[in-house]
Amino acid sequence: DKCTFCAGGPETDHSEAEFQKYGRNRLAEGKLPLCAEMCSTKALLAGDGDVVSAIYRERIVSRGFGSGAWGWGKAYPGGAS
């Protein structure tokens, strides 16, 4: 299931029926979902899978976590895996 708040529904994009049922279809307008656009922590990502993966990898590397989960080093000092 997907949120239809910004994605519209099965009706034709930009049609009056779609607007009446779902409001603006931000995805059909080429915009991100409003929740992702307004997220103050930038935790919500939306878009092309390759772009989202690249952003995620960049965030992990810049935080120094490598492939480990956040908090792993604190929970398991000494590099236990």
PDB file of N, CA and C in Angstrom:
ATOM      1  N   ASP A   1       0.837  -1.185   0.000  1.00  0.00           N
ATOM      2  CA  ASP A   1       0.000   0.000   0.000  1.00  0.00           C
ATOM      3  C   ASP A   1       0.876   1.240   0.000  1.00  0.00           C
ATOM      4  N   LYS A   2       0.406   2.244  -0.695  1.00  0.00           N
ATOM      5  CA  LYS A   2       1.142   3.497  -0.742  1.00  0.00           C
ATOM      6  C   LYS A   2       0.234   4.621  -0.266  1.00  0.00           C
ATOM      7  N   CYS A   3       0.838   5.621   0.321  1.00  0.00           N
ATOM      8  CA  CYS A   3       0.104   6.812   0.717  1.00  0.00           C
ATOM      9  C   CYS A   3      -0.365   7.517  -0.551  1.00  0.00           C
ATOM     10  N   THR A   4      -1.618   7.888  -0.616  1.00  0.00           N
ATOM     11  CA  THR A   4      -2.122   8.597  -1.797  1.00  0.00           C
ATOM     12  C   THR A   4      -2.163  10.101  -1.573  1.00  0.00           C
ATOM     13  N   PHE A   5      -1.616  10.555  -0.451  1.00  0.00           N
ATOM     14  CA  PHE A   5      -1.664  11.982  -0.159  1.00  0.00           C
ATOM     15  C   PHE A   5      -0.959  12.798  -1.231  1.00  0.00           C
ATOM     16  N   CYS A   6       0.182  12.322  -1.718  1.00  0.00           N
ATOM     17  CA  CYS A   6       0.936  13.039  -2.751  1.00  0.00           C
ATOM     18  C   CYS A   6       1.029  12.268  -4.053  1.00  0.00           C
ATOM     19  N   ALA A   7       0.584  11.005  -4.060  1.00  0.00           N
ATOM     20  CA  ALA A   7       0.804  10.155  -5.226  1.00  0.00           C
ATOM     21  C   ALA A   7      -0.426   9.993  -6.098  1.00  0.00           C
ATOM     22  N   GLY A   8      -1.567  10.509  -5.675  1.00  0.00           N
ATOM     23  CA  GLY A   8      -2.765  10.316  -6.474  1.00  0.00           C
ATOM     24  C   GLY A   8      -3.238   8.882  -6.402  1.00  0.00           C
ATOM     25  N   GLY A   9      -4.121   8.538  -7.307  1.00  0.00           N
ATOM     26  CA  GLY A   9      -4.665   7.189  -7.305  1.00  0.00           C
ATOM     27  C   GLY A   9      -4.664   6.622  -8.703  1.00  0.00           C
ATOM     28  N   PRO A  10      -5.589   5.676  -8.966  1.00  0.00           N
ATOM     29  CA  PRO A  10      -5.605   5.028 -10.277  1.00  0.00           C
ATOM     30  C   PRO A  10      -6.159   5.910 -11.401  1.00  0.00           C
ATOM     31  N   GLU A  11      -6.748   7.038 -11.057  1.00  0.00           N
ATOM     32  CA  GLU A  11      -7.291   7.919 -12.085  1.00  0.00           C
ATOM     33  C   GLU A  11      -6.163   8.520 -12.928  1.00  0.00           C
ATOM     34  N   THR A  12      -6.513   9.053 -14.078  1.00  0.00           N
ATOM     35  CA  THR A  12      -5.542   9.688 -14.971  1.00  0.00           C
ATOM     36  C   THR A  12      -4.865  10.849 -14.258  1.00  0.00           C
ATOM     37  N   ASP A  13      -3.533  10.940 -14.434  1.00  0.00           N
ATOM     38  CA  ASP A  13      -2.774  12.035 -13.818  1.00  0.00           C
ATOM     39  C   ASP A  13      -3.335  13.388 -14.237  1.00  0.00           C
ATOM     40  N   HIS A  14      -3.417  14.287 -13.285  1.00  0.00           N
ATOM     41  CA  HIS A  14      -3.869  15.675 -13.474  1.00  0.00           C
ATOM     42  C   HIS A  14      -5.345  15.788 -13.864  1.00  0.00           C
ATOM     43  N   SER A  15      -6.127  14.711 -13.693  1.00  0.00           N
ATOM     44  CA  SER A  15      -7.551  14.784 -14.026  1.00  0.00           C
ATOM     45  C   SER A  15      -8.325  15.399 -12.863  1.00  0.00           C
ATOM     46  N   GLU A  16      -9.510  15.899 -13.162  1.00  0.00           N
ATOM     47  CA  GLU A  16     -10.365  16.493 -12.134  1.00  0.00           C
ATOM     48  C   GLU A  16     -10.790  15.430 -11.112  1.00  0.00           C
ATOM     49  N   ALA A  17     -11.080  14.212 -11.602  1.00  0.00           N
ATOM     50  CA  ALA A  17     -11.481  13.126 -10.694  1.00  0.00           C
ATOM     51  C   ALA A  17     -10.361  12.807  -9.706  1.00  0.00           C
ATOM     52  N   GLU A  18      -9.133  12.761 -10.200  1.00  0.00           N
ATOM     53  CA  GLU A  18      -7.999  12.489  -9.318  1.00  0.00           C
ATOM     54  C   GLU A  18      -7.862  13.593  -8.278  1.00  0.00           C
ATOM     55  N   PHE A  19      -7.967  14.843  -8.703  1.00  0.00           N
ATOM     56  CA  PHE A  19      -7.825  15.966  -7.777  1.00  0.00           C
ATOM     57  C   PHE A  19      -8.915  15.940  -6.715  1.00  0.00           C
ATOM     58  N   GLN A  20     -10.157  15.637  -7.105  1.00  0.00           N
ATOM     59  CA  GLN A  20     -11.266  15.599  -6.152  1.00  0.00           C
ATOM     60  C   GLN A  20     -11.066  14.508  -5.099  1.00  0.00           C
ATOM     61  N   LYS A  21     -10.533  13.365  -5.503  1.00  0.00           N
ATOM     62  CA  LYS A  21     -10.355  12.253  -4.566  1.00  0.00           C
ATOM     63  C   LYS A  21      -9.085  12.354  -3.732  1.00  0.00           C
ATOM     64  N   TYR A  22      -7.976  12.804  -4.359  1.00  0.00           N
ATOM     65  CA  TYR A  22      -6.675  12.697  -3.706  1.00  0.00           C
ATOM     66  C   TYR A  22      -5.932  14.014  -3.544  1.00  0.00           C
ATOM     67  N   GLY A  23      -6.415  15.082  -4.128  1.00  0.00           N
ATOM     68  CA  GLY A  23      -5.674  16.341  -4.082  1.00  0.00           C
ATOM     69  C   GLY A  23      -4.573  16.340  -5.132  1.00  0.00           C
ATOM     70  N   ARG A  24      -3.551  17.112  -4.904  1.00  0.00           N
ATOM     71  CA  ARG A  24      -2.466  17.226  -5.876  1.00  0.00           C
ATOM     72  C   ARG A  24      -1.677  15.927  -5.975  1.00  0.00           C
ATOM     73  N   ASN A  25      -1.274  15.608  -7.182  1.00  0.00           N
ATOM     74  CA  ASN A  25      -0.428  14.442  -7.423  1.00  0.00           C
ATOM     75  C   ASN A  25       0.993  14.948  -7.601  1.00  0.00           C
ATOM     76  N   ARG A  26       1.706  15.090  -6.498  1.00  0.00           N
ATOM     77  CA  ARG A  26       3.060  15.661  -6.526  1.00  0.00           C
ATOM     78  C   ARG A  26       4.017  14.817  -7.355  1.00  0.00           C
ATOM     79  N   LEU A  27       3.846  13.513  -7.337  1.00  0.00           N
ATOM     80  CA  LEU A  27       4.745  12.655  -8.106  1.00  0.00           C
ATOM     81  C   LEU A  27       4.571  12.883  -9.602  1.00  0.00           C
ATOM     82  N   ALA A  28       3.328  13.030 -10.059  1.00  0.00           N
ATOM     83  CA  ALA A  28       3.079  13.295 -11.476  1.00  0.00           C
ATOM     84  C   ALA A  28       3.596  14.675 -11.874  1.00  0.00           C
ATOM     85  N   GLU A  29       3.702  15.577 -10.903  1.00  0.00           N
ATOM     86  CA  GLU A  29       4.240  16.917 -11.166  1.00  0.00           C
ATOM     87  C   GLU A  29       5.765  16.926 -11.135  1.00  0.00           C
ATOM     88  N   GLY A  30       6.375  15.764 -10.865  1.00  0.00           N
ATOM     89  CA  GLY A  30       7.829  15.672 -10.813  1.00  0.00           C
ATOM     90  C   GLY A  30       8.420  16.128  -9.494  1.00  0.00           C
ATOM     91  N   LYS A  31       7.597  16.160  -8.454  1.00  0.00           N
ATOM     92  CA  LYS A  31       8.054  16.601  -7.133  1.00  0.00           C
ATOM     93  C   LYS A  31       8.152  15.405  -6.194  1.00  0.00           C
ATOM     94  N   LEU A  32       8.895  15.579  -5.118  1.00  0.00           N
ATOM     95  CA  LEU A  32       8.961  14.555  -4.079  1.00  0.00           C
ATOM     96  C   LEU A  32       7.677  14.572  -3.262  1.00  0.00           C
ATOM     97  N   PRO A  33       7.354  13.458  -2.586  1.00  0.00           N
ATOM     98  CA  PRO A  33       6.232  13.485  -1.649  1.00  0.00           C
ATOM     99  C   PRO A  33       6.480  14.559  -0.590  1.00  0.00           C
ATOM    100  N   LEU A  34       5.434  15.195  -0.137  1.00  0.00           N
ATOM    101  CA  LEU A  34       5.569  16.292   0.814  1.00  0.00           C
ATOM    102  C   LEU A  34       6.246  15.847   2.104  1.00  0.00           C
ATOM    103  N   CYS A  35       5.965  14.632   2.564  1.00  0.00           N
ATOM    104  CA  CYS A  35       6.590  14.159   3.808  1.00  0.00           C
ATOM    105  C   CYS A  35       8.109  14.105   3.657  1.00  0.00           C
ATOM    106  N   ALA A  36       8.594  13.631   2.510  1.00  0.00           N
ATOM    107  CA  ALA A  36      10.042  13.555   2.285  1.00  0.00           C
ATOM    108  C   ALA A  36      10.638  14.943   2.109  1.00  0.00           C
ATOM    109  N   GLU A  37       9.902  15.827   1.448  1.00  0.00           N
ATOM    110  CA  GLU A  37      10.419  17.172   1.208  1.00  0.00           C
ATOM    111  C   GLU A  37      10.504  18.000   2.486  1.00  0.00           C
ATOM    112  N   MET A  38       9.575  17.788   3.409  1.00  0.00           N
ATOM    113  CA  MET A  38       9.508  18.608   4.615  1.00  0.00           C
ATOM    114  C   MET A  38      10.168  17.960   5.830  1.00  0.00           C
ATOM    115  N   CYS A  39      10.670  16.743   5.703  1.00  0.00           N
ATOM    116  CA  CYS A  39      11.273  16.033   6.833  1.00  0.00           C
ATOM    117  C   CYS A  39      12.488  16.803   7.347  1.00  0.00           C
ATOM    118  N   SER A  40      12.411  17.285   8.568  1.00  0.00           N
ATOM    119  CA  SER A  40      13.480  18.131   9.111  1.00  0.00           C
ATOM    120  C   SER A  40      14.773  17.358   9.343  1.00  0.00           C
ATOM    121  N   THR A  41      14.681  16.060   9.552  1.00  0.00           N
ATOM    122  CA  THR A  41      15.893  15.266   9.775  1.00  0.00           C
ATOM    123  C   THR A  41      16.442  14.676   8.481  1.00  0.00           C
ATOM    124  N   LYS A  42      15.716  14.849   7.396  1.00  0.00           N
ATOM    125  CA  LYS A  42      16.088  14.286   6.090  1.00  0.00           C
ATOM    126  C   LYS A  42      16.201  12.764   6.149  1.00  0.00           C
ATOM    127  N   ALA A  43      15.429  12.154   7.049  1.00  0.00           N
ATOM    128  CA  ALA A  43      15.460  10.702   7.191  1.00  0.00           C
ATOM    129  C   ALA A  43      14.634  10.013   6.114  1.00  0.00           C
ATOM    130  N   LEU A  44      13.624  10.704   5.588  1.00  0.00           N
ATOM    131  CA  LEU A  44      12.785  10.115   4.551  1.00  0.00           C
ATOM    132  C   LEU A  44      13.390  10.407   3.191  1.00  0.00           C
ATOM    133  N   LEU A  45      13.651   9.374   2.432  1.00  0.00           N
ATOM    134  CA  LEU A  45      14.209   9.522   1.094  1.00  0.00           C
ATOM    135  C   LEU A  45      13.201   8.993   0.093  1.00  0.00           C
ATOM    136  N   ALA A  46      13.111   9.631  -1.049  1.00  0.00           N
ATOM    137  CA  ALA A  46      12.221   9.187  -2.106  1.00  0.00           C
ATOM    138  C   ALA A  46      12.886   9.464  -3.437  1.00  0.00           C
ATOM    139  N   GLY A  47      12.564   8.666  -4.414  1.00  0.00           N
ATOM    140  CA  GLY A  47      13.092   8.880  -5.751  1.00  0.00           C
ATOM    141  C   GLY A  47      13.656   7.608  -6.342  1.00  0.00           C
ATOM    142  N   ASP A  48      14.518   7.769  -7.334  1.00  0.00           N
ATOM    143  CA  ASP A  48      15.143   6.658  -8.025  1.00  0.00           C
ATOM    144  C   ASP A  48      15.945   5.807  -7.037  1.00  0.00           C
ATOM    145  N   GLY A  49      15.809   4.504  -7.139  1.00  0.00           N
ATOM    146  CA  GLY A  49      16.477   3.599  -6.209  1.00  0.00           C
ATOM    147  C   GLY A  49      17.987   3.746  -6.180  1.00  0.00           C
ATOM    148  N   ASP A  50      18.592   3.973  -7.342  1.00  0.00           N
ATOM    149  CA  ASP A  50      20.049   4.136  -7.386  1.00  0.00           C
ATOM    150  C   ASP A  50      20.485   5.404  -6.668  1.00  0.00           C
ATOM    151  N   VAL A  51      19.720   6.474  -6.838  1.00  0.00           N
ATOM    152  CA  VAL A  51      20.045   7.743  -6.180  1.00  0.00           C
ATOM    153  C   VAL A  51      19.883   7.608  -4.668  1.00  0.00           C
ATOM    154  N   VAL A  52      18.779   6.986  -4.234  1.00  0.00           N
ATOM    155  CA  VAL A  52      18.537   6.788  -2.806  1.00  0.00           C
ATOM    156  C   VAL A  52      19.647   5.923  -2.201  1.00  0.00           C
ATOM    157  N   SER A  53      20.056   4.862  -2.897  1.00  0.00           N
ATOM    158  CA  SER A  53      21.143   4.004  -2.402  1.00  0.00           C
ATOM    159  C   SER A  53      22.446   4.774  -2.265  1.00  0.00           C
ATOM    160  N   ALA A  54      22.737   5.625  -3.244  1.00  0.00           N
ATOM    161  CA  ALA A  54      23.968   6.420  -3.195  1.00  0.00           C
ATOM    162  C   ALA A  54      23.953   7.377  -2.008  1.00  0.00           C
ATOM    163  N   ILE A  55      22.814   8.002  -1.752  1.00  0.00           N
ATOM    164  CA  ILE A  55      22.692   8.920  -0.614  1.00  0.00           C
ATOM    165  C   ILE A  55      22.882   8.150   0.689  1.00  0.00           C
ATOM    166  N   TYR A  56      22.251   6.985   0.794  1.00  0.00           N
ATOM    167  CA  TYR A  56      22.368   6.168   2.004  1.00  0.00           C
ATOM    168  C   TYR A  56      23.823   5.763   2.248  1.00  0.00           C
ATOM    169  N   ARG A  57      24.497   5.277   1.184  1.00  0.00           N
ATOM    170  CA  ARG A  57      25.905   4.884   1.325  1.00  0.00           C
ATOM    171  C   ARG A  57      26.761   6.065   1.751  1.00  0.00           C
ATOM    172  N   GLU A  58      26.518   7.230   1.160  1.00  0.00           N
ATOM    173  CA  GLU A  58      27.288   8.428   1.515  1.00  0.00           C
ATOM    174  C   GLU A  58      27.096   8.790   2.983  1.00  0.00           C
ATOM    175  N   ARG A  59      25.867   8.675   3.469  1.00  0.00           N
ATOM    176  CA  ARG A  59      25.587   8.987   4.876  1.00  0.00           C
ATOM    177  C   ARG A  59      26.300   8.016   5.806  1.00  0.00           C
ATOM    178  N   ILE A  60      26.286   6.740   5.469  1.00  0.00           N
ATOM    179  CA  ILE A  60      26.938   5.724   6.302  1.00  0.00           C
ATOM    180  C   ILE A  60      28.441   5.978   6.363  1.00  0.00           C
ATOM    181  N   VAL A  61      29.061   6.224   5.214  1.00  0.00           N
ATOM    182  CA  VAL A  61      30.505   6.435   5.161  1.00  0.00           C
ATOM    183  C   VAL A  61      30.886   7.701   5.910  1.00  0.00           C
ATOM    184  N   SER A  62      30.111   8.776   5.726  1.00  0.00           N
ATOM    185  CA  SER A  62      30.456  10.041   6.383  1.00  0.00           C
ATOM    186  C   SER A  62      30.315   9.954   7.899  1.00  0.00           C
ATOM    187  N   ARG A  63      29.490   9.060   8.378  1.00  0.00           N
ATOM    188  CA  ARG A  63      29.327   8.898   9.829  1.00  0.00           C
ATOM    189  C   ARG A  63      30.325   7.908  10.398  1.00  0.00           C
ATOM    190  N   GLY A  64      31.061   7.234   9.533  1.00  0.00           N
ATOM    191  CA  GLY A  64      32.086   6.313   9.989  1.00  0.00           C
ATOM    192  C   GLY A  64      31.565   4.989  10.497  1.00  0.00           C
ATOM    193  N   PHE A  65      30.374   4.597  10.112  1.00  0.00           N
ATOM    194  CA  PHE A  65      29.813   3.344  10.598  1.00  0.00           C
ATOM    195  C   PHE A  65      30.177   2.167   9.713  1.00  0.00           C
ATOM    196  N   GLY A  66      30.733   2.426   8.550  1.00  0.00           N
ATOM    197  CA  GLY A  66      30.986   1.335   7.615  1.00  0.00           C
ATOM    198  C   GLY A  66      29.683   0.633   7.315  1.00  0.00           C
ATOM    199  N   SER A  67      29.688  -0.666   7.334  1.00  0.00           N
ATOM    200  CA  SER A  67      28.444  -1.381   7.071  1.00  0.00           C
ATOM    201  C   SER A  67      27.733  -1.773   8.363  1.00  0.00           C
ATOM    202  N   GLY A  68      28.289  -1.421   9.507  1.00  0.00           N
ATOM    203  CA  GLY A  68      27.675  -1.764  10.786  1.00  0.00           C
ATOM    204  C   GLY A  68      26.508  -0.850  11.125  1.00  0.00           C
ATOM    205  N   ALA A  69      25.676  -1.297  11.994  1.00  0.00           N
ATOM    206  CA  ALA A  69      24.516  -0.520  12.410  1.00  0.00           C
ATOM    207  C   ALA A  69      24.922   0.575  13.385  1.00  0.00           C
ATOM    208  N   TRP A  70      24.134   1.619  13.438  1.00  0.00           N
ATOM    209  CA  TRP A  70      24.379   2.722  14.361  1.00  0.00           C
ATOM    210  C   TRP A  70      24.352   2.176  15.790  1.00  0.00           C
ATOM    211  N   GLY A  71      25.316   2.570  16.585  1.00  0.00           N
ATOM    212  CA  GLY A  71      25.378   2.148  17.974  1.00  0.00           C
ATOM    213  C   GLY A  71      26.109   0.837  18.201  1.00  0.00           C
ATOM    214  N   TRP A  72      26.499   0.163  17.134  1.00  0.00           N
ATOM    215  CA  TRP A  72      27.164  -1.133  17.260  1.00  0.00           C
ATOM    216  C   TRP A  72      28.463  -1.016  18.044  1.00  0.00           C
ATOM    217  N   GLY A  73      29.281  -0.005  17.711  1.00  0.00           N
ATOM    218  CA  GLY A  73      30.561   0.180  18.391  1.00  0.00           C
ATOM    219  C   GLY A  73      30.406   0.446  19.876  1.00  0.00           C
ATOM    220  N   LYS A  74      29.342   1.128  20.260  1.00  0.00           N
ATOM    221  CA  LYS A  74      29.094   1.420  21.672  1.00  0.00           C
ATOM    222  C   LYS A  74      28.612   0.161  22.402  1.00  0.00           C
ATOM    223  N   ALA A  75      27.750  -0.602  21.729  1.00  0.00           N
ATOM    224  CA  ALA A  75      27.211  -1.812  22.350  1.00  0.00           C
ATOM    225  C   ALA A  75      28.248  -2.924  22.433  1.00  0.00           C
ATOM    226  N   TYR A  76      29.133  -2.966  21.444  1.00  0.00           N
ATOM    227  CA  TYR A  76      30.140  -4.026  21.387  1.00  0.00           C
ATOM    228  C   TYR A  76      31.527  -3.416  21.222  1.00  0.00           C
ATOM    229  N   PRO A  77      32.063  -2.809  22.272  1.00  0.00           N
ATOM    230  CA  PRO A  77      33.387  -2.202  22.153  1.00  0.00           C
ATOM    231  C   PRO A  77      34.443  -3.264  21.845  1.00  0.00           C
ATOM    232  N   GLY A  78      35.445  -2.856  21.110  1.00  0.00           N
ATOM    233  CA  GLY A  78      36.511  -3.792  20.769  1.00  0.00           C
ATOM    234  C   GLY A  78      36.291  -4.491  19.446  1.00  0.00           C
ATOM    235  N   GLY A  79      35.233  -4.119  18.735  1.00  0.00           N
ATOM    236  CA  GLY A  79      35.028  -4.650  17.389  1.00  0.00           C
ATOM    237  C   GLY A  79      34.430  -6.037  17.319  1.00  0.00           C
ATOM    238  N   ALA A  80      33.716  -6.492  18.345  1.00  0.00           N
ATOM    239  CA  ALA A  80      33.064  -7.801  18.269  1.00  0.00           C
ATOM    240  C   ALA A  80      32.038  -7.784  17.154  1.00  0.00           C
ATOM    241  N   SER A  81      31.943  -8.867  16.407  1.00  0.00           N
ATOM    242  CA  SER A  81      30.969  -8.901  15.320  1.00  0.00           C
ATOM    243  C   SER A  81      30.014 -10.049  15.418  1.00  0.00           C
TER     244      SER A  81
END
